[in-house]
Amino acid sequence: MVEAFVSARIVAPEGERAGAVLVRDGKIEAICDAGAIPADARVTHCPGALLPGLVDSHIHINEPGRMEWEGFATATRAAAAGGYTTLIDMPLNCLPATTSVEALEEKRAAAAGQCTVDWAAWGGVSGGNADQIGPLAAAGVRGFKCFLAEPGIDGFARVDEAELRKALPFLAQTGLPLLVHAESPEELARAASALNRADWQLHKTWLQSRPDEAEVAAIRQVIGLAREFGFRLHIVHLATDQALDDLRAAKAEGLPVTVETCPHYLYFAAEEIAKGCTQYKCAPPIRGLENRELLWQALERGEIDLIATDHSPCPPDWKARGNGSFAEAWGGIASVSAALSAVWTCMRHRGFSLIDVATRMAEKPAELAGLQGRKGKIAAGYDADLVVFDPDHQRVLDAQQLYTRHPMSPYIGERLFGTVTATYLRGAPVFERGNFVGEPRGREIRD
């Protein structure tokens, strides 16, 4: 049977239009005018805008091994409530880290039967595992992640340039991207040595300990390696505007470089963070107001390709460690259920459109993970992953709207525009008006 999802604002690649999205067997068959809906179609009316299901290419689900932090069941439910229908899970914060095929199989076993939305895995480059890159690629990971600075978590070690040089020939052969947490350990050490008797309850101190120069130096390093080895380079969670010149030049040179930033760098600013408010701690840190505006300008120009959440939750006592000390508290922000509203709240005042939302939060993340043709657009042949979104509805976010294992986030109490009223995975409802629908039907994407 053909299903018709009718909306006055279908956010399609060519622009917004009124009409219907026709779906058969979980795939989009066509977009048509309302008058061309087949007579025998089952019709669903979608008040508001109809967006493609969002794709989060940077999320920490933390299972197996640390499901008390989050887990597939809670992460995928929160994602559905936030308009995400596909998640690409990072290889760390879970135990074991996804640095071998054996570890990947453990992750698959943990995910089985729990997922409300679809998911896939990134592999990790860590611990001298160059011999695992080819097997992990063959087993279905979408690419690889590494840290140049210490991740701050057991089970996943940073890599230095010597280790990267051993791994990069194998990675280049796969054609898959390398996602890099780009902060220079040398610059971080230099900054730390200058912080004598600092007040670590101040976000300013945390900011001084992770300076712009650390991002800039690391990004220059990996751009040079991309030039030498010819691999696809992706910079995760760009926080500083000071690296934009280097990234702009690398793209102009024709190097295969892409860049993401995160909702918290676009929504918050360092000047607004009060003493001891470690719910804002992340690495790289949230920087200043001027920096934030320059990131928005880069996003508008297309120099930043996409927005990913870096959803990184933890138990409450990890955020409370050190009694408000930014040195001791866990660094990570939970946001997958609030990200769309937070980004749209900022976008709508800056002249962006829902097309920009779909491009930066669905289409481009899908392309990064090699899912083009399947995920990230409302177009014929794509999975019928659809989100009904009311862009004008205002709400003050409360903890119950997070749906994560631990309802902690700096977005709690923020007045946000835009509400997800329904989410469909391959044409079937998984979330409607605050309720989850049916049994978990999410799948892993392997090919």
Protein backbone atom coordinates (compact mmCIF):
# COMPACT_ATOMS: atom_id res chain seq x y z
CA MET A 1 0.00 0.00 0.00
CA VAL A 2 1.12 3.55 -0.75
CA GLU A 3 1.18 5.95 2.18
CA ALA A 4 0.90 9.70 1.66
CA PHE A 5 2.35 12.15 4.18
CA VAL A 6 0.66 15.47 3.43
CA SER A 7 2.19 18.78 4.46
CA ALA A 8 2.05 22.43 3.48
CA ARG A 9 5.83 22.66 4.04
CA ILE A 10 7.77 19.67 2.72
CA VAL A 11 11.45 20.50 3.16
CA ALA A 12 12.84 18.89 0.02
CA PRO A 13 16.34 19.39 -1.48
CA GLU A 14 15.03 21.77 -4.15
CA GLY A 15 13.16 23.88 -1.59
CA GLU A 16 10.00 23.96 0.47
CA ARG A 17 6.78 22.96 -1.22
CA ALA A 18 3.26 21.87 -0.40
CA GLY A 19 2.13 18.40 -1.34
CA ALA A 20 2.57 14.81 -0.28
CA VAL A 21 5.46 12.43 0.22
CA LEU A 22 4.47 9.05 -1.21
CA VAL A 23 5.96 6.06 0.60
CA ARG A 24 5.94 2.40 -0.35
CA ASP A 25 7.65 -0.37 1.65
CA GLY A 26 9.52 2.11 3.81
CA LYS A 27 11.03 4.03 0.87
CA ILE A 28 10.10 7.39 -0.61
CA GLU A 29 8.51 6.81 -4.00
CA ALA A 30 7.84 10.42 -5.01
CA ILE A 31 6.79 13.88 -3.92
CA CYS A 32 3.56 14.97 -5.56
CA ASP A 33 0.90 17.65 -5.40
CA ALA A 34 -1.95 16.96 -3.00
CA GLY A 35 -4.29 16.50 -5.95
CA ALA A 36 -2.15 13.68 -7.34
CA ILE A 37 -2.32 11.40 -4.28
CA PRO A 38 -3.43 7.91 -5.38
CA ALA A 39 -7.04 7.20 -4.47
CA ASP A 40 -6.12 4.08 -2.49
CA ALA A 41 -3.31 5.71 -0.49
CA ARG A 42 -3.39 5.81 3.28
CA VAL A 43 -3.11 9.50 4.16
CA THR A 44 -1.33 11.02 7.16
CA HIS A 45 -1.71 14.77 7.65
CA CYS A 46 1.42 16.46 9.00
CA PRO A 47 0.72 19.91 10.47
CA GLY A 48 3.79 22.10 10.47
CA ALA A 49 6.90 21.37 8.43
CA LEU A 50 8.00 17.94 7.19
CA LEU A 51 11.78 17.55 7.56
CA PRO A 52 13.99 14.63 6.60
CA GLY A 53 15.00 12.54 9.59
CA LEU A 54 18.12 14.09 11.08
CA VAL A 55 21.44 12.25 11.09
CA ASP A 56 23.76 12.65 14.08
CA SER A 57 27.26 11.75 13.00
CA HIS A 58 28.79 12.41 16.44
CA ILE A 59 27.14 10.72 19.42
CA HIS A 60 28.40 8.71 22.39
CA ILE A 61 25.93 5.94 23.20
CA ASN A 62 28.36 4.37 25.73
CA GLU A 63 27.21 0.75 25.39
CA PRO A 64 28.52 -1.84 26.02
CA GLY A 65 30.43 -1.28 29.23
CA ARG A 66 29.07 2.06 30.41
CA MET A 67 25.33 1.77 29.86
CA GLU A 68 24.80 3.36 33.27
CA TRP A 69 25.91 6.52 31.42
CA GLU A 70 23.41 6.15 28.55
CA GLY A 71 22.89 3.05 26.36
CA PHE A 72 21.18 2.18 23.09
CA ALA A 73 17.65 2.10 24.53
CA THR A 74 17.71 5.59 26.06
CA ALA A 75 19.94 7.25 23.44
CA THR A 76 17.81 6.14 20.51
CA ARG A 77 14.56 7.11 22.24
CA ALA A 78 15.96 10.56 23.01
CA ALA A 79 17.11 10.81 19.40
CA ALA A 80 13.64 10.01 18.05
CA ALA A 81 12.13 12.66 20.31
CA GLY A 82 14.66 15.15 18.94
CA GLY A 83 13.99 14.38 15.28
CA TYR A 84 17.01 12.13 14.67
CA THR A 85 16.44 8.88 12.82
CA THR A 86 20.07 7.81 12.29
CA LEU A 87 22.95 7.85 14.78
CA ILE A 88 26.63 7.13 14.07
CA ASP A 89 28.14 5.99 17.36
CA MET A 90 31.61 7.06 18.42
CA PRO A 91 34.13 4.30 19.29
CA LEU A 92 34.95 5.49 22.81
CA ASN A 93 33.22 5.79 26.18
CA CYS A 94 32.01 2.24 25.62
CA LEU A 95 34.00 -0.72 26.92
CA PRO A 96 35.56 -2.23 24.94
CA ALA A 97 36.26 0.65 22.59
CA THR A 98 35.45 -0.07 18.95
CA THR A 99 39.04 -0.63 17.85
CA SER A 100 38.69 -4.24 16.66
CA VAL A 101 36.13 -6.37 14.88
CA GLU A 102 35.62 -8.34 18.09
CA ALA A 103 34.68 -5.13 19.94
CA LEU A 104 32.35 -4.14 17.10
CA GLU A 105 30.55 -7.46 17.43
CA GLU A 106 30.11 -6.85 21.16
CA LYS A 107 28.52 -3.50 20.35
CA ARG A 108 26.18 -5.14 17.87
CA ALA A 109 25.11 -7.69 20.43
CA ALA A 110 24.43 -4.93 22.95
CA ALA A 111 22.32 -2.97 20.47
CA ALA A 112 20.16 -5.88 19.33
CA GLY A 113 16.47 -5.27 19.90
CA GLN A 114 16.95 -1.98 21.77
CA CYS A 115 17.04 0.71 19.10
CA THR A 116 14.19 3.09 18.35
CA VAL A 117 16.10 4.59 15.38
CA ASP A 118 18.77 3.34 12.99
CA TRP A 119 22.45 3.38 13.88
CA ALA A 120 25.93 2.65 12.59
CA ALA A 121 29.41 2.66 14.12
CA TRP A 122 32.63 4.58 13.71
CA GLY A 123 35.79 2.61 14.34
CA GLY A 124 38.69 3.94 16.38
CA VAL A 125 42.37 4.50 15.65
CA SER A 126 44.03 3.94 19.01
CA GLY A 127 46.43 1.65 20.81
CA GLY A 128 48.49 0.69 17.76
CA ASN A 129 45.60 -0.98 15.93
CA ALA A 130 46.63 -0.18 12.35
CA ASP A 131 46.16 -3.86 11.47
CA GLN A 132 42.48 -3.58 12.46
CA ILE A 133 41.59 -0.74 10.10
CA GLY A 134 41.02 -2.91 7.04
CA PRO A 135 39.03 -5.58 8.91
CA LEU A 136 36.87 -2.95 10.65
CA ALA A 137 36.14 -1.28 7.32
CA ALA A 138 35.15 -4.63 5.82
CA ALA A 139 32.95 -5.33 8.86
CA GLY A 140 30.89 -2.18 8.24
CA VAL A 141 32.18 0.79 10.23
CA ARG A 142 31.53 4.09 8.46
CA GLY A 143 34.97 5.60 9.16
CA PHE A 144 37.45 6.10 11.99
CA LYS A 145 37.97 8.46 14.93
CA CYS A 146 41.17 9.46 16.70
CA PHE A 147 42.22 11.87 19.44
CA LEU A 148 45.36 13.99 19.25
CA ALA A 149 44.84 15.06 22.88
CA GLU A 150 44.09 12.80 25.82
CA PRO A 151 40.41 11.72 25.71
CA GLY A 152 40.19 11.63 29.50
CA ILE A 153 38.55 8.20 29.55
CA ASP A 154 39.90 4.72 30.18
CA GLY A 155 39.94 2.37 27.21
CA PHE A 156 40.83 4.77 24.40
CA ALA A 157 44.27 6.38 24.05
CA ARG A 158 45.33 9.38 22.04
CA VAL A 159 47.59 8.93 19.01
CA ASP A 160 50.79 10.80 18.24
CA GLU A 161 52.03 11.55 14.73
CA ALA A 162 54.23 8.45 14.59
CA GLU A 163 51.25 6.19 15.27
CA LEU A 164 49.11 8.09 12.79
CA ARG A 165 51.74 7.64 10.10
CA LYS A 166 51.57 3.88 10.61
CA ALA A 167 47.79 3.86 10.37
CA LEU A 168 47.15 6.35 7.56
CA PRO A 169 48.25 4.19 4.60
CA PHE A 170 45.72 1.55 5.70
CA LEU A 171 43.04 4.17 6.23
CA ALA A 172 43.63 5.84 2.86
CA GLN A 173 43.09 2.46 1.16
CA THR A 174 39.60 2.17 2.68
CA GLY A 175 38.42 5.52 1.31
CA LEU A 176 36.68 6.14 4.63
CA PRO A 177 37.03 9.39 6.60
CA LEU A 178 39.25 9.97 9.62
CA LEU A 179 37.43 12.03 12.24
CA VAL A 180 39.93 13.95 14.36
CA HIS A 181 39.59 15.49 17.80
CA ALA A 182 42.07 18.24 17.00
CA GLU A 183 43.77 19.74 20.04
CA SER A 184 47.55 19.85 20.30
CA PRO A 185 48.86 18.22 23.51
CA GLU A 186 51.92 20.47 23.38
CA GLU A 187 49.77 23.61 23.31
CA LEU A 188 47.57 22.23 26.09
CA ALA A 189 50.62 21.52 28.24
CA ARG A 190 51.95 25.02 27.61
CA ALA A 191 48.63 26.54 28.65
CA ALA A 192 48.41 24.38 31.78
CA SER A 193 51.87 25.44 32.93
CA ALA A 194 50.73 29.08 32.96
CA LEU A 195 47.76 28.45 35.26
CA ASN A 196 49.23 28.88 38.72
CA ARG A 197 46.71 29.06 41.59
CA ALA A 198 43.84 29.41 39.14
CA ASP A 199 40.23 29.24 40.29
CA TRP A 200 38.95 26.09 38.60
CA GLN A 201 35.34 26.91 39.43
CA LEU A 202 35.54 29.60 36.76
CA HIS A 203 34.79 28.64 33.18
CA LYS A 204 37.36 31.28 32.26
CA THR A 205 40.07 29.07 33.74
CA TRP A 206 38.87 26.06 31.75
CA LEU A 207 38.87 28.22 28.63
CA GLN A 208 42.44 29.37 29.30
CA SER A 209 43.53 25.76 29.72
CA ARG A 210 42.21 24.81 26.23
CA PRO A 211 43.25 27.80 24.10
CA ASP A 212 42.41 28.46 20.47
CA GLU A 213 46.06 27.78 19.62
CA ALA A 214 45.63 24.13 20.58
CA GLU A 215 42.95 23.65 17.95
CA VAL A 216 44.81 25.66 15.33
CA ALA A 217 48.09 23.75 15.75
CA ALA A 218 46.41 20.35 15.63
CA ILE A 219 44.31 21.23 12.58
CA ARG A 220 47.41 22.42 10.72
CA GLN A 221 49.12 19.13 11.60
CA VAL A 222 46.37 16.89 10.25
CA ILE A 223 45.83 19.02 7.15
CA GLY A 224 49.49 18.39 6.38
CA LEU A 225 48.99 14.66 6.86
CA ALA A 226 45.90 14.70 4.63
CA ARG A 227 47.96 16.40 1.93
CA GLU A 228 50.69 13.76 2.28
CA PHE A 229 48.57 10.60 2.55
CA GLY A 230 45.46 11.55 0.60
CA PHE A 231 42.83 10.43 3.09
CA ARG A 232 39.45 12.03 3.81
CA LEU A 233 39.83 14.30 6.84
CA HIS A 234 36.97 15.43 9.03
CA ILE A 235 37.45 17.87 11.91
CA VAL A 236 34.99 17.17 14.71
CA HIS A 237 33.49 19.80 17.03
CA LEU A 238 35.29 22.90 15.73
CA ALA A 239 35.09 25.50 18.49
CA THR A 240 37.49 28.22 17.36
CA ASP A 241 37.13 30.71 14.53
CA GLN A 242 40.92 31.02 14.43
CA ALA A 243 41.27 27.76 12.47
CA LEU A 244 38.94 28.86 9.70
CA ASP A 245 41.65 30.39 7.51
CA ASP A 246 43.60 27.12 7.44
CA LEU A 247 40.47 25.09 6.74
CA ARG A 248 39.36 27.49 4.03
CA ALA A 249 42.77 27.23 2.36
CA ALA A 250 42.79 23.43 2.57
CA LYS A 251 39.41 23.24 0.85
CA ALA A 252 40.50 25.72 -1.81
CA GLU A 253 43.52 23.51 -2.44
CA GLY A 254 41.16 20.64 -3.16
CA LEU A 255 41.99 18.56 -0.12
CA PRO A 256 39.14 16.26 1.02
CA VAL A 257 38.48 18.14 4.26
CA THR A 258 35.13 18.57 6.00
CA VAL A 259 34.29 20.32 9.26
CA GLU A 260 31.57 20.12 11.88
CA THR A 261 30.60 22.27 14.79
CA CYS A 262 28.11 21.54 17.57
CA PRO A 263 24.93 23.16 18.87
CA HIS A 264 26.58 24.23 22.13
CA TYR A 265 29.22 26.28 20.30
CA LEU A 266 26.48 28.01 18.31
CA TYR A 267 24.05 28.57 21.19
CA PHE A 268 26.11 29.35 24.30
CA ALA A 269 28.98 31.77 24.94
CA ALA A 270 31.74 31.74 27.54
CA GLU A 271 30.74 35.13 28.97
CA GLU A 272 27.35 33.68 29.95
CA ILE A 273 28.63 30.72 31.98
CA ALA A 274 28.44 31.24 35.75
CA LYS A 275 30.90 30.04 38.35
CA GLY A 276 30.72 26.32 39.09
CA CYS A 277 28.29 25.55 36.25
CA THR A 278 30.10 22.47 35.04
CA GLN A 279 27.12 21.31 32.97
CA TYR A 280 28.70 23.54 30.30
CA LYS A 281 32.07 21.77 30.39
CA CYS A 282 33.21 20.25 27.10
CA ALA A 283 36.44 20.00 25.12
CA PRO A 284 37.24 22.08 23.20
CA PRO A 285 35.49 24.60 25.44
CA ILE A 286 32.65 26.93 24.63
CA ARG A 287 34.36 30.15 23.54
CA GLY A 288 33.35 33.80 23.49
CA LEU A 289 30.52 35.77 21.92
CA GLU A 290 32.58 37.13 19.03
CA ASN A 291 33.90 33.65 18.28
CA ARG A 292 30.33 32.31 18.24
CA GLU A 293 29.23 34.87 15.67
CA LEU A 294 32.18 34.04 13.43
CA LEU A 295 31.26 30.36 13.57
CA TRP A 296 27.75 31.26 12.43
CA GLN A 297 29.18 33.26 9.54
CA ALA A 298 31.38 30.31 8.53
CA LEU A 299 28.38 28.01 8.67
CA GLU A 300 26.40 30.37 6.45
CA ARG A 301 29.26 30.47 3.91
CA GLY A 302 29.52 26.68 3.88
CA GLU A 303 33.01 26.65 5.37
CA ILE A 304 31.59 24.58 8.24
CA ASP A 305 29.84 21.68 6.56
CA LEU A 306 27.56 20.28 9.21
CA ILE A 307 26.24 20.36 12.77
CA ALA A 308 26.56 17.26 14.97
CA THR A 309 25.61 17.03 18.62
CA ASP A 310 28.62 15.38 20.31
CA HIS A 311 25.98 14.09 22.72
CA SER A 312 28.15 12.89 25.62
CA PRO A 313 26.16 12.14 28.78
CA CYS A 314 27.42 10.81 32.09
CA PRO A 315 26.06 9.96 35.57
CA PRO A 316 25.23 13.00 37.72
CA ASP A 317 28.08 12.41 40.15
CA TRP A 318 30.60 12.69 37.30
CA LYS A 319 29.33 16.18 36.48
CA ALA A 320 29.41 17.10 40.18
CA ARG A 321 32.98 15.96 40.83
CA GLY A 322 35.11 18.62 42.48
CA ASN A 323 32.19 20.70 43.75
CA GLY A 324 31.91 22.79 40.60
CA SER A 325 35.52 22.41 39.47
CA PHE A 326 35.96 22.54 35.71
CA ALA A 327 39.21 20.63 36.18
CA GLU A 328 37.49 17.62 37.79
CA ALA A 329 33.97 17.44 36.33
CA TRP A 330 33.26 15.23 33.32
CA GLY A 331 33.40 17.13 30.05
CA GLY A 332 30.43 16.40 27.85
CA ILE A 333 27.05 17.87 26.96
CA ALA A 334 23.83 15.89 26.56
CA SER A 335 21.82 17.37 23.72
CA VAL A 336 20.45 14.87 21.18
CA SER A 337 16.82 15.54 22.14
CA ALA A 338 17.26 19.34 22.27
CA ALA A 339 19.73 20.02 19.45
CA LEU A 340 17.22 20.67 16.66
CA SER A 341 15.29 23.20 18.74
CA ALA A 342 18.47 24.89 20.00
CA VAL A 343 19.92 25.26 16.50
CA TRP A 344 16.62 26.43 15.02
CA THR A 345 16.15 28.98 17.80
CA CYS A 346 19.41 30.59 16.69
CA MET A 347 18.92 30.07 12.96
CA ARG A 348 15.50 31.67 12.70
CA HIS A 349 16.86 34.97 14.06
CA ARG A 350 19.80 34.91 11.64
CA GLY A 351 17.86 34.46 8.42
CA PHE A 352 18.49 30.76 7.95
CA SER A 353 15.72 28.51 6.65
CA LEU A 354 14.51 24.99 7.31
CA ILE A 355 16.42 24.02 4.15
CA ASP A 356 19.58 24.98 6.05
CA VAL A 357 18.52 22.75 8.94
CA ALA A 358 17.98 19.83 6.58
CA THR A 359 21.30 20.41 4.81
CA ARG A 360 23.50 20.86 7.91
CA MET A 361 21.79 18.34 10.21
CA ALA A 362 20.63 15.61 7.82
CA GLU A 363 22.12 15.69 4.32
CA LYS A 364 25.75 16.56 5.12
CA PRO A 365 26.12 14.21 8.15
CA ALA A 366 24.68 11.41 6.00
CA GLU A 367 27.26 12.14 3.31
CA LEU A 368 30.09 12.07 5.87
CA ALA A 369 29.01 8.57 6.92
CA GLY A 370 28.58 7.36 3.35
CA LEU A 371 24.79 7.18 3.59
CA GLN A 372 23.95 9.45 0.65
CA GLY A 373 21.21 7.93 -1.47
CA ARG A 374 19.64 6.37 1.63
CA LYS A 375 19.49 8.90 4.49
CA GLY A 376 19.27 12.65 4.94
CA LYS A 377 16.85 13.85 2.22
CA ILE A 378 13.21 13.78 1.31
CA ALA A 379 13.74 12.42 -2.18
CA ALA A 380 12.76 9.42 -4.26
CA GLY A 381 14.66 6.27 -3.31
CA TYR A 382 15.57 7.43 0.19
CA ASP A 383 14.38 5.81 3.40
CA ALA A 384 11.09 7.36 4.48
CA ASP A 385 12.62 8.89 7.61
CA LEU A 386 10.45 11.92 8.29
CA VAL A 387 10.02 14.46 11.08
CA VAL A 388 6.96 16.61 11.68
CA PHE A 389 8.30 19.85 13.13
CA ASP A 390 6.43 22.91 14.39
CA PRO A 391 9.00 25.69 13.85
CA ASP A 392 6.97 28.37 15.63
CA HIS A 393 6.09 26.59 18.85
CA GLN A 394 7.92 27.94 21.91
CA ARG A 395 8.70 25.99 25.05
CA VAL A 396 10.92 26.19 28.10
CA LEU A 397 12.86 22.95 28.06
CA ASP A 398 12.45 20.85 31.17
CA ALA A 399 14.26 17.69 32.24
CA GLN A 400 11.36 15.41 31.29
CA GLN A 401 11.73 16.45 27.65
CA LEU A 402 15.27 15.06 27.40
CA TYR A 403 14.37 11.33 27.50
CA THR A 404 18.00 10.46 28.25
CA ARG A 405 19.09 8.13 31.06
CA HIS A 406 20.20 11.10 33.16
CA PRO A 407 18.14 14.26 32.54
CA MET A 408 21.03 16.71 32.73
CA SER A 409 21.79 19.38 30.13
CA PRO A 410 22.68 23.07 30.00
CA TYR A 411 19.63 23.51 27.76
CA ILE A 412 17.25 22.87 30.67
CA GLY A 413 15.41 26.12 31.39
CA GLU A 414 16.16 27.62 27.97
CA ARG A 415 13.29 29.05 25.94
CA LEU A 416 13.48 27.29 22.60
CA PHE A 417 11.63 27.55 19.30
CA GLY A 418 10.54 24.46 17.42
CA THR A 419 9.02 21.19 18.60
CA VAL A 420 9.11 17.72 17.10
CA THR A 421 5.54 16.41 17.09
CA ALA A 422 6.18 13.12 15.26
CA THR A 423 9.09 11.06 13.96
CA TYR A 424 8.77 8.31 11.36
CA LEU A 425 11.39 5.66 10.65
CA ARG A 426 11.01 4.11 7.20
CA GLY A 427 7.43 5.33 7.14
CA ALA A 428 6.39 3.94 10.54
CA PRO A 429 5.80 6.16 13.57
CA VAL A 430 8.33 5.83 16.39
CA PHE A 431 7.47 9.03 18.32
CA GLU A 432 4.21 10.98 18.41
CA ARG A 433 3.34 13.90 20.70
CA GLY A 434 5.53 12.87 23.58
CA ASN A 435 4.95 9.13 23.31
CA PHE A 436 7.05 6.35 21.81
CA VAL A 437 5.17 4.09 19.42
CA GLY A 438 5.51 0.34 19.05
CA GLU A 439 8.48 -1.93 19.65
CA PRO A 440 12.04 -0.78 18.82
CA ARG A 441 12.51 -1.12 15.06
CA GLY A 442 15.85 0.56 14.50
CA ARG A 443 18.50 -1.31 12.51
CA GLU A 444 22.24 -1.16 12.16
CA ILE A 445 23.42 0.15 8.79
CA ARG A 446 26.35 -1.98 7.71
CA ASP A 447 26.60 -1.63 3.91
